[in-house]
C-alpha atoms as a PDB file:
ATOM      1  CA  MET A   1      92.025 113.062  56.498  1.00  0.00           C
ATOM      2  CA  THR A   2      93.204 110.869  53.870  1.00  0.00           C
ATOM      3  CA  LEU A   3      95.178 107.653  54.390  1.00  0.00           C
ATOM      4  CA  ARG A   4      98.168 109.522  52.660  1.00  0.00           C
ATOM      5  CA  LYS A   5      98.106 112.268  54.979  1.00  0.00           C
ATOM      6  CA  ILE A   6      97.898 110.120  57.992  1.00  0.00           C
ATOM      7  CA  CYS A   7     100.844 107.998  56.573  1.00  0.00           C
ATOM      8  CA  ILE A   8     103.072 111.189  55.966  1.00  0.00           C
ATOM      9  CA  ILE A   9     102.174 112.590  59.621  1.00  0.00           C
ATOM     10  CA  PHE A  10     103.073 109.190  61.214  1.00  0.00           C
ATOM     11  CA  THR A  11     106.337 109.186  59.224  1.00  0.00           C
ATOM     12  CA  ILE A  12     107.238 112.680  60.338  1.00  0.00           C
ATOM     13  CA  LEU A  13     106.465 112.194  64.049  1.00  0.00           C
ATOM     14  CA  THR A  14     108.026 108.688  64.092  1.00  0.00           C
ATOM     15  CA  GLY A  15     111.143 110.027  62.488  1.00  0.00           C
ATOM     16  CA  VAL A  16     111.559 112.658  65.147  1.00  0.00           C
ATOM     17  CA  MET A  17     111.401 110.008  67.937  1.00  0.00           C
ATOM     18  CA  ILE A  18     113.800 108.005  66.075  1.00  0.00           C
ATOM     19  CA  GLN A  19     116.123 110.854  65.791  1.00  0.00           C
ATOM     20  CA  ASP A  20     115.973 111.566  69.583  1.00  0.00           C
ATOM     21  CA  VAL A  21     116.565 108.281  70.415  1.00  0.00           C
ATOM     22  CA  ASN A  22     119.840 107.971  68.224  1.00  0.00           C
ATOM     23  CA  VAL A  23     121.051 111.341  70.093  1.00  0.00           C
ATOM     24  CA  LEU A  24     120.568 109.903  73.337  1.00  0.00           C
ATOM     25  CA  ASP A  25     122.422 106.621  72.343  1.00  0.00           C
ATOM     26  CA  ALA A  26     125.283 108.735  70.729  1.00  0.00           C
ATOM     27  CA  THR A  27     125.356 110.752  74.269  1.00  0.00           C
ATOM     28  CA  VAL A  28     125.692 107.637  76.004  1.00  0.00           C
ATOM     29  CA  LEU A  29     128.202 106.184  73.782  1.00  0.00           C
ATOM     30  CA  ALA A  30     130.508 109.465  73.646  1.00  0.00           C
ATOM     31  CA  SER A  31     130.327 109.824  77.710  1.00  0.00           C
ATOM     32  CA  ASN A  32     131.617 105.580  77.956  1.00  0.00           C
ATOM     33  CA  ALA A  33     134.318 106.895  75.204  1.00  0.00           C
ATOM     34  CA  ASP A  34     135.405 109.910  77.492  1.00  0.00           C
ATOM     35  CA  GLN A  35     135.410 107.385  80.248  1.00  0.00           C
ATOM     36  CA  TRP A  36     138.290 105.360  78.613  1.00  0.00           C
ATOM     37  CA  GLU A  37     140.049 108.319  77.243  1.00  0.00           C
ATOM     38  CA  ASN A  38     140.077 110.020  80.612  1.00  0.00           C
ATOM     39  CA  ARG A  39     141.454 106.758  82.202  1.00  0.00           C
ATOM     40  CA  ALA A  40     144.132 106.661  79.411  1.00  0.00           C
ATOM     41  CA  VAL A  41     145.235 110.091  80.340  1.00  0.00           C
ATOM     42  CA  LYS A  42     145.117 109.419  84.145  1.00  0.00           C
ATOM     43  CA  GLU A  43     147.439 106.280  83.619  1.00  0.00           C
ATOM     44  CA  ALA A  44     150.043 108.404  81.506  1.00  0.00           C
ATOM     45  CA  LYS A  45     150.176 111.030  84.011  1.00  0.00           C
ATOM     46  CA  LYS A  46     151.001 108.597  86.860  1.00  0.00           C
ATOM     47  CA  ARG A  47     153.997 107.607  84.897  1.00  0.00           C
ATOM     48  CA  TYR A  48     154.909 111.406  83.892  1.00  0.00           C
ATOM     49  CA  PRO A  49     153.141 113.567  86.406  1.00  0.00           C
ATOM     50  CA  LEU A  50     154.880 116.709  85.639  1.00  0.00           C
ATOM     51  CA  ALA A  51     154.105 116.481  81.942  1.00  0.00           C
ATOM     52  CA  HIS A  52     151.232 118.431  80.201  1.00  0.00           C
ATOM     53  CA  VAL A  53     148.888 116.742  77.880  1.00  0.00           C
ATOM     54  CA  LEU A  54     148.964 118.391  74.429  1.00  0.00           C
ATOM     55  CA  PHE A  55     146.750 115.981  72.333  1.00  0.00           C
ATOM     56  CA  LYS A  56     145.199 112.469  73.000  1.00  0.00           C
ATOM     57  CA  GLN A  57     143.529 110.458  70.154  1.00  0.00           C
ATOM     58  CA  LYS A  58     142.222 106.846  70.159  1.00  0.00           C
ATOM     59  CA  VAL A  59     144.232 104.591  67.908  1.00  0.00           C
ATOM     60  CA  TRP A  60     142.038 101.522  67.894  1.00  0.00           C
ATOM     61  CA  ASP A  61     140.145  99.202  69.813  1.00  0.00           C
ATOM     62  CA  ARG A  62     138.810  95.291  69.671  1.00  0.00           C
ATOM     63  CA  HIS A  63     135.791  94.088  71.311  1.00  0.00           C
ATOM     64  CA  ARG A  64     135.468  90.420  72.002  1.00  0.00           C
ATOM     65  CA  GLU A  65     132.902  88.705  74.388  1.00  0.00           C
ATOM     66  CA  LYS A  66     135.153  88.667  77.500  1.00  0.00           C
ATOM     67  CA  GLU A  67     137.631  90.986  76.755  1.00  0.00           C
ATOM     68  CA  SER A  68     137.970  94.690  75.112  1.00  0.00           C
ATOM     69  CA  VAL A  69     141.107  96.454  74.519  1.00  0.00           C
ATOM     70  CA  LYS A  70     141.654 100.242  73.798  1.00  0.00           C
ATOM     71  CA  GLN A  71     144.743 101.890  72.789  1.00  0.00           C
ATOM     72  CA  TYR A  72     145.251 105.618  72.897  1.00  0.00           C
ATOM     73  CA  HIS A  73     147.967 107.973  71.802  1.00  0.00           C
ATOM     74  CA  ILE A  74     148.634 110.765  74.194  1.00  0.00           C
ATOM     75  CA  THR A  75     151.200 113.686  73.384  1.00  0.00           C
ATOM     76  CA  LEU A  76     152.939 115.008  76.440  1.00  0.00           C
ATOM     77  CA  LYS A  77     155.146 118.066  76.755  1.00  0.00           C
ATOM     78  CA  ASP A  78     157.724 117.842  79.897  1.00  0.00           C
ATOM     79  CA  HIS A  79     159.741 121.050  80.097  1.00  0.00           C
ATOM     80  CA  ALA A  80     161.303 121.294  76.695  1.00  0.00           C
ATOM     81  CA  LYS A  81     160.907 117.741  75.623  1.00  0.00           C
ATOM     82  CA  GLU A  82     157.546 116.885  73.663  1.00  0.00           C
ATOM     83  CA  PHE A  83     156.870 113.058  73.216  1.00  0.00           C
ATOM     84  CA  GLY A  84     154.164 110.583  72.584  1.00  0.00           C
ATOM     85  CA  VAL A  85     153.128 107.572  74.719  1.00  0.00           C
ATOM     86  CA  PHE A  86     150.857 104.589  73.679  1.00  0.00           C
ATOM     87  CA  VAL A  87     148.266 103.738  76.421  1.00  0.00           C
ATOM     88  CA  THR A  88     146.737 100.422  76.208  1.00  0.00           C
ATOM     89  CA  ILE A  89     143.625  99.403  78.450  1.00  0.00           C
ATOM     90  CA  SER A  90     142.163  95.889  78.536  1.00  0.00           C
ATOM     91  CA  TYR A  91     139.099  95.484  80.484  1.00  0.00           C
ATOM     92  CA  ASN A  92     135.872  93.277  80.713  1.00  0.00           C
ATOM     93  CA  PRO A  93     133.270  94.791  78.800  1.00  0.00           C
ATOM     94  CA  GLN A  94     130.263  93.538  81.161  1.00  0.00           C
ATOM     95  CA  SER A  95     131.766  94.837  84.217  1.00  0.00           C
ATOM     96  CA  ASN A  96     134.054  97.573  83.136  1.00  0.00           C
ATOM     97  CA  LYS A  97     136.707  96.059  85.361  1.00  0.00           C
ATOM     98  CA  ILE A  98     140.323  96.692  84.116  1.00  0.00           C
ATOM     99  CA  ASN A  99     142.461  93.806  83.572  1.00  0.00           C
ATOM    100  CA  LYS A 100     145.607  95.407  82.673  1.00  0.00           C
ATOM    101  CA  VAL A 101     147.155  98.992  81.481  1.00  0.00           C
ATOM    102  CA  ILE A 102     150.349  99.555  79.550  1.00  0.00           C
ATOM    103  CA  VAL A 103     151.792 102.757  79.047  1.00  0.00           C
ATOM    104  CA  VAL A 104     154.731 102.759  76.621  1.00  0.00           C
ATOM    105  CA  GLU A 105     156.662 105.641  75.436  1.00  0.00           C
ATOM    106  CA  GLU A 106     156.803 106.290  71.693  1.00  0.00           C
ATOM    107  CA  TYR A 107     160.073 105.467  70.037  1.00  0.00           C
ATOM    108  CA  SER A 108     161.878 108.779  68.869  1.00  0.00           C
ATOM    109  CA  SER A 109     165.364 108.696  67.107  1.00  0.00           C
END
């Protein structure tokens, strides 16, 4: 077997292993993101318990050493009224302990 063939086989094998690691990392990141999105929905439902969730979306996030902040926009429907709320979650990134949650109804004219 030539050196070229060995290098090609090595590249193919390690490429597959790297792809597997990336898929695993993506799964962990997605589940972590789902955790905060689910928490945002839970906080919105605390304030509007009879409303149904129509749509949820992360608006922005900011990460610092001692504090991370994420904001979500949740669209709710309560009877005939459809409205949006912004849920902002501040937490410690090392412990995932929540510092503060703010729920603000979107301004509508």
